[in-house]
Amino acid sequence: MKATARRISQSRPGWPAAAAFLVLLLAAASTGTARAEVKRLQFPVSGMRSPLASRGVEEAIRTLSGVARVSADLGTGRVEVEAESQKSLNLQEVRTRAARAGYPVAGDLDVLARGRFDTGAEGRITFKVAGTSYAWQVLESATLLEMIRSHPGLRGEFIAGFRLFEKPPWNRPAISLREWEAVASATPAAAPHSLRPQTSSAKPPAAPAASSKAAAQKKTTAVAATSKGSKGKAPAVDPAAAKKKRRDSGTPPKP
């Protein structure tokens, strides 16, 4: 793979049929139908100098469990191994099988794997391959900085392409990222609090109470108006009772 930093979705001619394979890999990862751990390896071998030798290393590795395809390039002296669906490659088994066939691994491995990034107490970032015990320190690079800017905290799973340095000068295996792609989460996001339906214990609207208060106030006003109107009128008088009253008191009737 080239050393330039770019995402996996930006395919390049380094691996045959890389674009189609990565599309299938990402689709399987997003639906959860396949667990993509160590899905692809590329490495140089020594002693492969004839078509018979390339065929020999291919047959030796192809018999391993979980291997879907092996391709040995006589011109470049490199071998490419691809895992079956829902399977993961075992780095040590591939390396051992190539060595037993007479073509030992002669350099660093280029790996495509799925996993998570973990930041330690000292700020060191480690890439842990899903479903395996593989865990390697991540070396600082432009690709790593690009990924941190795009995904602060490096949460979730990623499909990463990297070069594995198993015997570096600092005597600690480490990886250098070359390409990456974030794996979409299949868990739906929770609805915002403002959009959640009210529970049965919620208080009813206050509109009916306001209407009752207005009706009571209207009734009180009507009663007060009636009382005020009755005070302005003289009480009705019976004519016969008034005549009898005047006669008893000796008051002459009005002409």
C-alpha atoms as a PDB file:
ATOM      1  CA  MET A   1       0.000   0.000   0.000  1.00  0.00           C
ATOM      2  CA  LYS A   2       1.162   3.549  -0.581  1.00  0.00           C
ATOM      3  CA  ALA A   3       2.196   5.684   2.345  1.00  0.00           C
ATOM      4  CA  THR A   4      -0.171   8.541   1.529  1.00  0.00           C
ATOM      5  CA  ALA A   5      -2.971   9.177   4.025  1.00  0.00           C
ATOM      6  CA  ARG A   6      -6.452   8.579   2.705  1.00  0.00           C
ATOM      7  CA  ARG A   7      -9.654   6.807   3.613  1.00  0.00           C
ATOM      8  CA  ILE A   8     -10.487   3.288   2.534  1.00  0.00           C
ATOM      9  CA  SER A   9     -13.430   4.569   0.492  1.00  0.00           C
ATOM     10  CA  GLN A  10     -10.895   6.277  -1.805  1.00  0.00           C
ATOM     11  CA  SER A  11      -9.821   3.115  -3.589  1.00  0.00           C
ATOM     12  CA  ARG A  12      -6.506   2.737  -5.317  1.00  0.00           C
ATOM     13  CA  PRO A  13      -4.904   0.030  -7.432  1.00  0.00           C
ATOM     14  CA  GLY A  14      -2.721  -1.412  -4.631  1.00  0.00           C
ATOM     15  CA  TRP A  15      -4.963  -4.449  -4.068  1.00  0.00           C
ATOM     16  CA  PRO A  16      -6.958  -6.273  -6.796  1.00  0.00           C
ATOM     17  CA  ALA A  17     -10.704  -5.701  -6.614  1.00  0.00           C
ATOM     18  CA  ALA A  18     -10.189  -3.577  -3.482  1.00  0.00           C
ATOM     19  CA  ALA A  19     -13.178  -1.317  -4.071  1.00  0.00           C
ATOM     20  CA  ALA A  20     -15.662  -4.190  -4.446  1.00  0.00           C
ATOM     21  CA  PHE A  21     -14.279  -6.008  -1.424  1.00  0.00           C
ATOM     22  CA  LEU A  22     -14.448  -2.947   0.799  1.00  0.00           C
ATOM     23  CA  VAL A  23     -18.031  -2.199  -0.228  1.00  0.00           C
ATOM     24  CA  LEU A  24     -19.066  -5.721   0.797  1.00  0.00           C
ATOM     25  CA  LEU A  25     -17.035  -5.488   3.997  1.00  0.00           C
ATOM     26  CA  LEU A  26     -18.619  -2.201   5.079  1.00  0.00           C
ATOM     27  CA  ALA A  27     -22.112  -3.435   4.199  1.00  0.00           C
ATOM     28  CA  ALA A  28     -21.639  -6.559   6.293  1.00  0.00           C
ATOM     29  CA  ALA A  29     -20.256  -4.549   9.191  1.00  0.00           C
ATOM     30  CA  SER A  30     -23.170  -2.078   9.208  1.00  0.00           C
ATOM     31  CA  THR A  31     -25.825  -4.813   9.148  1.00  0.00           C
ATOM     32  CA  GLY A  32     -24.075  -6.996  11.717  1.00  0.00           C
ATOM     33  CA  THR A  33     -24.231 -10.113   9.487  1.00  0.00           C
ATOM     34  CA  ALA A  34     -20.452 -10.533   9.498  1.00  0.00           C
ATOM     35  CA  ARG A  35     -17.735  -9.689  11.963  1.00  0.00           C
ATOM     36  CA  ALA A  36     -14.772  -8.264  10.117  1.00  0.00           C
ATOM     37  CA  GLU A  37     -11.672  -8.721  12.268  1.00  0.00           C
ATOM     38  CA  VAL A  38      -8.408  -9.489  10.448  1.00  0.00           C
ATOM     39  CA  LYS A  39      -9.749  -9.641   6.918  1.00  0.00           C
ATOM     40  CA  ARG A  40      -6.693  -9.203   4.722  1.00  0.00           C
ATOM     41  CA  LEU A  41      -2.920  -9.585   4.847  1.00  0.00           C
ATOM     42  CA  GLN A  42      -0.141  -8.624   2.475  1.00  0.00           C
ATOM     43  CA  PHE A  43       3.527  -9.472   3.059  1.00  0.00           C
ATOM     44  CA  PRO A  44       6.792 -10.176   1.221  1.00  0.00           C
ATOM     45  CA  VAL A  45       8.342 -13.630   1.254  1.00  0.00           C
ATOM     46  CA  SER A  46      11.811 -14.834   0.440  1.00  0.00           C
ATOM     47  CA  GLY A  47      12.776 -17.670  -1.936  1.00  0.00           C
ATOM     48  CA  MET A  48       9.806 -17.295  -4.319  1.00  0.00           C
ATOM     49  CA  ARG A  49      11.621 -17.194  -7.660  1.00  0.00           C
ATOM     50  CA  SER A  50       9.550 -19.395  -9.988  1.00  0.00           C
ATOM     51  CA  PRO A  51       5.906 -20.064 -10.863  1.00  0.00           C
ATOM     52  CA  LEU A  52       6.213 -23.394  -9.087  1.00  0.00           C
ATOM     53  CA  ALA A  53       7.315 -21.612  -5.924  1.00  0.00           C
ATOM     54  CA  SER A  54       4.444 -19.121  -6.051  1.00  0.00           C
ATOM     55  CA  ARG A  55       1.966 -21.956  -6.524  1.00  0.00           C
ATOM     56  CA  GLY A  56       3.533 -23.817  -3.607  1.00  0.00           C
ATOM     57  CA  VAL A  57       3.113 -20.931  -1.153  1.00  0.00           C
ATOM     58  CA  GLU A  58      -0.481 -20.404  -2.317  1.00  0.00           C
ATOM     59  CA  GLU A  59      -1.424 -24.036  -1.733  1.00  0.00           C
ATOM     60  CA  ALA A  60       0.278 -24.100   1.660  1.00  0.00           C
ATOM     61  CA  ILE A  61      -1.664 -21.114   2.996  1.00  0.00           C
ATOM     62  CA  ARG A  62      -4.968 -21.908   1.272  1.00  0.00           C
ATOM     63  CA  THR A  63      -5.482 -25.012   3.410  1.00  0.00           C
ATOM     64  CA  LEU A  64      -5.682 -22.934   6.594  1.00  0.00           C
ATOM     65  CA  SER A  65      -9.104 -22.593   8.209  1.00  0.00           C
ATOM     66  CA  GLY A  66     -10.894 -19.363   7.363  1.00  0.00           C
ATOM     67  CA  VAL A  67      -8.843 -18.537   4.264  1.00  0.00           C
ATOM     68  CA  ALA A  68     -10.910 -17.619   1.194  1.00  0.00           C
ATOM     69  CA  ARG A  69      -8.244 -16.594  -1.304  1.00  0.00           C
ATOM     70  CA  VAL A  70      -4.438 -16.551  -1.652  1.00  0.00           C
ATOM     71  CA  SER A  71      -2.504 -14.770  -4.363  1.00  0.00           C
ATOM     72  CA  ALA A  72       1.290 -14.840  -4.741  1.00  0.00           C
ATOM     73  CA  ASP A  73       2.831 -12.256  -7.079  1.00  0.00           C
ATOM     74  CA  LEU A  74       6.084 -13.566  -8.506  1.00  0.00           C
ATOM     75  CA  GLY A  75       7.081 -10.135  -9.825  1.00  0.00           C
ATOM     76  CA  THR A  76       6.866  -8.297  -6.499  1.00  0.00           C
ATOM     77  CA  GLY A  77       7.558 -11.287  -4.254  1.00  0.00           C
ATOM     78  CA  ARG A  78       4.477 -10.484  -2.169  1.00  0.00           C
ATOM     79  CA  VAL A  79       1.604 -12.682  -0.990  1.00  0.00           C
ATOM     80  CA  GLU A  80      -1.954 -11.551  -0.365  1.00  0.00           C
ATOM     81  CA  VAL A  81      -4.372 -13.517   1.857  1.00  0.00           C
ATOM     82  CA  GLU A  82      -8.078 -12.816   2.219  1.00  0.00           C
ATOM     83  CA  ALA A  83     -10.386 -14.250   4.901  1.00  0.00           C
ATOM     84  CA  GLU A  84     -13.759 -15.902   4.409  1.00  0.00           C
ATOM     85  CA  SER A  85     -16.960 -14.112   5.390  1.00  0.00           C
ATOM     86  CA  GLN A  86     -17.437 -14.058   9.177  1.00  0.00           C
ATOM     87  CA  LYS A  87     -13.886 -15.393   9.633  1.00  0.00           C
ATOM     88  CA  SER A  88     -10.653 -13.850  10.867  1.00  0.00           C
ATOM     89  CA  LEU A  89      -7.085 -14.551   9.806  1.00  0.00           C
ATOM     90  CA  ASN A  90      -4.522 -15.738  12.333  1.00  0.00           C
ATOM     91  CA  LEU A  91      -1.299 -13.875  11.663  1.00  0.00           C
ATOM     92  CA  GLN A  92       0.938 -16.438  13.321  1.00  0.00           C
ATOM     93  CA  GLU A  93      -0.644 -19.374  11.474  1.00  0.00           C
ATOM     94  CA  VAL A  94      -0.209 -17.674   8.093  1.00  0.00           C
ATOM     95  CA  ARG A  95       3.396 -16.793   8.880  1.00  0.00           C
ATOM     96  CA  THR A  96       4.196 -20.314  10.102  1.00  0.00           C
ATOM     97  CA  ARG A  97       2.567 -22.008   7.119  1.00  0.00           C
ATOM     98  CA  ALA A  98       4.533 -19.876   4.656  1.00  0.00           C
ATOM     99  CA  ALA A  99       7.786 -20.649   6.464  1.00  0.00           C
ATOM    100  CA  ARG A 100       7.107 -24.408   6.497  1.00  0.00           C
ATOM    101  CA  ALA A 101       6.525 -24.294   2.739  1.00  0.00           C
ATOM    102  CA  GLY A 102       9.998 -22.807   2.361  1.00  0.00           C
ATOM    103  CA  TYR A 103       9.028 -19.172   1.837  1.00  0.00           C
ATOM    104  CA  PRO A 104       9.323 -17.284   5.145  1.00  0.00           C
ATOM    105  CA  VAL A 105       7.894 -13.814   5.623  1.00  0.00           C
ATOM    106  CA  ALA A 106      10.641 -11.324   4.809  1.00  0.00           C
ATOM    107  CA  GLY A 107       9.203  -7.985   5.918  1.00  0.00           C
ATOM    108  CA  ASP A 108       6.426  -6.085   7.614  1.00  0.00           C
ATOM    109  CA  LEU A 109       2.773  -7.035   7.174  1.00  0.00           C
ATOM    110  CA  ASP A 110       0.089  -4.823   5.655  1.00  0.00           C
ATOM    111  CA  VAL A 111      -3.169  -5.556   7.471  1.00  0.00           C
ATOM    112  CA  LEU A 112      -6.835  -4.690   6.996  1.00  0.00           C
ATOM    113  CA  ALA A 113      -8.780  -5.230  10.228  1.00  0.00           C
ATOM    114  CA  ARG A 114     -11.746  -4.086  12.245  1.00  0.00           C
ATOM    115  CA  GLY A 115     -11.409  -2.879  15.826  1.00  0.00           C
ATOM    116  CA  ARG A 116     -11.465  -0.047  18.342  1.00  0.00           C
ATOM    117  CA  PHE A 117      -9.002   2.587  19.453  1.00  0.00           C
ATOM    118  CA  ASP A 118      -8.156   2.986  23.124  1.00  0.00           C
ATOM    119  CA  THR A 119      -6.300   5.921  24.675  1.00  0.00           C
ATOM    120  CA  GLY A 120      -4.212   5.048  27.719  1.00  0.00           C
ATOM    121  CA  ALA A 121      -3.329   7.133  30.751  1.00  0.00           C
ATOM    122  CA  GLU A 122      -0.119   8.345  29.112  1.00  0.00           C
ATOM    123  CA  GLY A 123      -1.969   9.417  25.980  1.00  0.00           C
ATOM    124  CA  ARG A 124      -0.780   6.445  23.952  1.00  0.00           C
ATOM    125  CA  ILE A 125      -3.337   5.180  21.443  1.00  0.00           C
ATOM    126  CA  THR A 126      -3.776   1.430  20.990  1.00  0.00           C
ATOM    127  CA  PHE A 127      -5.703  -0.353  18.259  1.00  0.00           C
ATOM    128  CA  LYS A 128      -7.464  -3.512  19.486  1.00  0.00           C
ATOM    129  CA  VAL A 129      -8.678  -5.929  16.826  1.00  0.00           C
ATOM    130  CA  ALA A 130     -12.241  -7.140  17.440  1.00  0.00           C
ATOM    131  CA  GLY A 131     -12.599 -10.754  18.550  1.00  0.00           C
ATOM    132  CA  THR A 132      -8.861 -11.330  18.967  1.00  0.00           C
ATOM    133  CA  SER A 133      -6.078 -10.667  21.446  1.00  0.00           C
ATOM    134  CA  TYR A 134      -4.247  -8.413  18.985  1.00  0.00           C
ATOM    135  CA  ALA A 135      -3.522  -4.946  20.376  1.00  0.00           C
ATOM    136  CA  TRP A 136      -0.853  -2.625  18.973  1.00  0.00           C
ATOM    137  CA  GLN A 137       0.323   0.860  19.740  1.00  0.00           C
ATOM    138  CA  VAL A 138      -0.523   3.369  17.000  1.00  0.00           C
ATOM    139  CA  LEU A 139       2.329   5.523  15.754  1.00  0.00           C
ATOM    140  CA  GLU A 140       1.681   9.204  15.168  1.00  0.00           C
ATOM    141  CA  SER A 141       1.032   9.998  11.525  1.00  0.00           C
ATOM    142  CA  ALA A 142      -0.914  12.330   9.265  1.00  0.00           C
ATOM    143  CA  THR A 143      -3.584   9.634   8.859  1.00  0.00           C
ATOM    144  CA  LEU A 144      -4.062   9.347  12.626  1.00  0.00           C
ATOM    145  CA  LEU A 145      -4.354  13.123  13.018  1.00  0.00           C
ATOM    146  CA  GLU A 146      -6.895  13.256  10.204  1.00  0.00           C
ATOM    147  CA  MET A 147      -8.975  10.569  11.891  1.00  0.00           C
ATOM    148  CA  ILE A 148      -8.853  12.332  15.271  1.00  0.00           C
ATOM    149  CA  ARG A 149     -10.072  15.553  13.667  1.00  0.00           C
ATOM    150  CA  SER A 150     -12.938  13.726  11.972  1.00  0.00           C
ATOM    151  CA  HIS A 151     -13.862  11.588  15.013  1.00  0.00           C
ATOM    152  CA  PRO A 152     -12.822  13.264  18.288  1.00  0.00           C
ATOM    153  CA  GLY A 153     -12.369  10.660  20.985  1.00  0.00           C
ATOM    154  CA  LEU A 154     -12.142   7.852  18.385  1.00  0.00           C
ATOM    155  CA  ARG A 155     -15.348   6.275  19.700  1.00  0.00           C
ATOM    156  CA  GLY A 156     -16.923   3.302  17.970  1.00  0.00           C
ATOM    157  CA  GLU A 157     -15.466   0.745  15.601  1.00  0.00           C
ATOM    158  CA  PHE A 158     -13.248   1.366  12.612  1.00  0.00           C
ATOM    159  CA  ILE A 159     -11.988  -0.637   9.666  1.00  0.00           C
ATOM    160  CA  ALA A 160      -8.322   0.265   9.461  1.00  0.00           C
ATOM    161  CA  GLY A 161      -5.593  -0.483   6.965  1.00  0.00           C
ATOM    162  CA  PHE A 162      -2.120  -0.311   8.504  1.00  0.00           C
ATOM    163  CA  ARG A 163       1.439  -1.566   8.360  1.00  0.00           C
ATOM    164  CA  LEU A 164       2.445  -3.765  11.274  1.00  0.00           C
ATOM    165  CA  PHE A 165       5.996  -3.362  12.596  1.00  0.00           C
ATOM    166  CA  GLU A 166       6.502  -6.478  14.723  1.00  0.00           C
ATOM    167  CA  LYS A 167      10.229  -5.996  15.355  1.00  0.00           C
ATOM    168  CA  PRO A 168      10.866  -2.254  15.337  1.00  0.00           C
ATOM    169  CA  PRO A 169      14.012  -0.630  16.812  1.00  0.00           C
ATOM    170  CA  TRP A 170      12.050   0.297  19.965  1.00  0.00           C
ATOM    171  CA  ASN A 171      11.318  -3.432  20.595  1.00  0.00           C
ATOM    172  CA  ARG A 172       7.558  -3.004  20.845  1.00  0.00           C
ATOM    173  CA  PRO A 173       5.122  -3.964  18.054  1.00  0.00           C
ATOM    174  CA  ALA A 174       3.353  -0.949  16.597  1.00  0.00           C
ATOM    175  CA  ILE A 175       1.274   0.015  13.584  1.00  0.00           C
ATOM    176  CA  SER A 176       1.248   2.929  11.181  1.00  0.00           C
ATOM    177  CA  LEU A 177      -2.205   3.789   9.831  1.00  0.00           C
ATOM    178  CA  ARG A 178      -2.558   4.041   6.060  1.00  0.00           C
ATOM    179  CA  GLU A 179      -6.332   4.193   5.597  1.00  0.00           C
ATOM    180  CA  TRP A 180      -9.513   3.949   7.640  1.00  0.00           C
ATOM    181  CA  GLU A 181     -13.289   3.961   7.582  1.00  0.00           C
ATOM    182  CA  ALA A 182     -15.709   4.438  10.490  1.00  0.00           C
ATOM    183  CA  VAL A 183     -18.261   1.657  10.981  1.00  0.00           C
ATOM    184  CA  ALA A 184     -21.818   3.014  11.143  1.00  0.00           C
ATOM    185  CA  SER A 185     -23.661   2.133  14.333  1.00  0.00           C
ATOM    186  CA  ALA A 186     -26.794   0.000  13.943  1.00  0.00           C
ATOM    187  CA  THR A 187     -28.347   1.289  17.221  1.00  0.00           C
ATOM    188  CA  PRO A 188     -30.992   3.988  16.585  1.00  0.00           C
ATOM    189  CA  ALA A 189     -30.479   7.263  18.401  1.00  0.00           C
ATOM    190  CA  ALA A 190     -32.833   8.142  21.266  1.00  0.00           C
ATOM    191  CA  ALA A 191     -35.555  10.678  20.555  1.00  0.00           C
ATOM    192  CA  PRO A 192     -34.933  14.195  21.912  1.00  0.00           C
ATOM    193  CA  HIS A 193     -36.569  14.881  25.256  1.00  0.00           C
ATOM    194  CA  SER A 194     -38.909  17.498  23.731  1.00  0.00           C
ATOM    195  CA  LEU A 195     -40.275  14.939  21.264  1.00  0.00           C
ATOM    196  CA  ARG A 196     -41.052  12.185  23.755  1.00  0.00           C
ATOM    197  CA  PRO A 197     -44.789  11.597  24.453  1.00  0.00           C
ATOM    198  CA  GLN A 198     -46.226  12.702  27.790  1.00  0.00           C
ATOM    199  CA  THR A 199     -46.895  10.062  30.434  1.00  0.00           C
ATOM    200  CA  SER A 200     -50.333   9.414  32.000  1.00  0.00           C
ATOM    201  CA  SER A 201     -49.296  11.272  35.170  1.00  0.00           C
ATOM    202  CA  ALA A 202     -48.879  14.550  33.308  1.00  0.00           C
ATOM    203  CA  LYS A 203     -51.225  17.379  34.360  1.00  0.00           C
ATOM    204  CA  PRO A 204     -54.126  18.192  31.975  1.00  0.00           C
ATOM    205  CA  PRO A 205     -54.205  21.531  30.152  1.00  0.00           C
ATOM    206  CA  ALA A 206     -55.399  24.557  32.190  1.00  0.00           C
ATOM    207  CA  ALA A 207     -57.862  25.804  29.517  1.00  0.00           C
ATOM    208  CA  PRO A 208     -61.027  24.239  31.078  1.00  0.00           C
ATOM    209  CA  ALA A 209     -60.226  25.775  34.486  1.00  0.00           C
ATOM    210  CA  ALA A 210     -59.840  29.212  32.897  1.00  0.00           C
ATOM    211  CA  SER A 211     -63.250  28.855  31.184  1.00  0.00           C
ATOM    212  CA  SER A 212     -64.958  27.943  34.503  1.00  0.00           C
ATOM    213  CA  LYS A 213     -63.436  30.967  36.200  1.00  0.00           C
ATOM    214  CA  ALA A 214     -64.635  33.270  33.422  1.00  0.00           C
ATOM    215  CA  ALA A 215     -68.189  31.850  33.669  1.00  0.00           C
ATOM    216  CA  ALA A 216     -68.275  32.366  37.431  1.00  0.00           C
ATOM    217  CA  GLN A 217     -67.104  35.969  37.035  1.00  0.00           C
ATOM    218  CA  LYS A 218     -69.809  36.619  34.424  1.00  0.00           C
ATOM    219  CA  LYS A 219     -72.508  35.247  36.738  1.00  0.00           C
ATOM    220  CA  THR A 220     -71.356  37.456  39.634  1.00  0.00           C
ATOM    221  CA  THR A 221     -71.465  40.549  37.404  1.00  0.00           C
ATOM    222  CA  ALA A 222     -75.021  39.751  36.294  1.00  0.00           C
ATOM    223  CA  VAL A 223     -76.230  39.351  39.890  1.00  0.00           C
ATOM    224  CA  ALA A 224     -74.646  42.676  40.895  1.00  0.00           C
ATOM    225  CA  ALA A 225     -76.307  44.476  37.972  1.00  0.00           C
ATOM    226  CA  THR A 226     -79.735  43.096  38.896  1.00  0.00           C
ATOM    227  CA  SER A 227     -79.366  44.194  42.518  1.00  0.00           C
ATOM    228  CA  LYS A 228     -78.323  47.720  41.490  1.00  0.00           C
ATOM    229  CA  GLY A 229     -81.297  48.075  39.109  1.00  0.00           C
ATOM    230  CA  SER A 230     -83.829  47.085  41.774  1.00  0.00           C
ATOM    231  CA  LYS A 231     -82.608  49.861  44.127  1.00  0.00           C
ATOM    232  CA  GLY A 232     -83.474  52.668  41.653  1.00  0.00           C
ATOM    233  CA  LYS A 233     -87.261  51.771  41.368  1.00  0.00           C
ATOM    234  CA  ALA A 234     -90.104  52.529  43.941  1.00  0.00           C
ATOM    235  CA  PRO A 235     -91.829  49.493  45.424  1.00  0.00           C
ATOM    236  CA  ALA A 236     -95.263  48.671  43.987  1.00  0.00           C
ATOM    237  CA  VAL A 237     -98.248  49.972  46.132  1.00  0.00           C
ATOM    238  CA  ASP A 238    -101.752  48.442  46.391  1.00  0.00           C
ATOM    239  CA  PRO A 239    -104.351  51.315  45.791  1.00  0.00           C
ATOM    240  CA  ALA A 240    -107.003  49.809  48.174  1.00  0.00           C
ATOM    241  CA  ALA A 241    -104.492  49.435  50.977  1.00  0.00           C
ATOM    242  CA  ALA A 242    -103.324  53.043  50.525  1.00  0.00           C
ATOM    243  CA  LYS A 243    -106.953  54.402  50.643  1.00  0.00           C
ATOM    244  CA  LYS A 244    -107.680  52.460  53.832  1.00  0.00           C
ATOM    245  CA  LYS A 245    -104.477  53.800  55.388  1.00  0.00           C
ATOM    246  CA  ARG A 246    -105.432  57.398  54.642  1.00  0.00           C
ATOM    247  CA  ARG A 247    -108.951  56.876  56.036  1.00  0.00           C
ATOM    248  CA  ASP A 248    -107.653  55.432  59.262  1.00  0.00           C
ATOM    249  CA  SER A 249    -105.195  58.303  59.721  1.00  0.00           C
ATOM    250  CA  GLY A 250    -107.771  61.029  58.897  1.00  0.00           C
ATOM    251  CA  THR A 251    -105.822  62.251  55.900  1.00  0.00           C
ATOM    252  CA  PRO A 252    -108.153  63.708  53.232  1.00  0.00           C
ATOM    253  CA  PRO A 253    -107.825  62.062  49.872  1.00  0.00           C
ATOM    254  CA  LYS A 254    -105.968  63.894  47.109  1.00  0.00           C
ATOM    255  CA  PRO A 255    -108.196  65.571  44.507  1.00  0.00           C
END
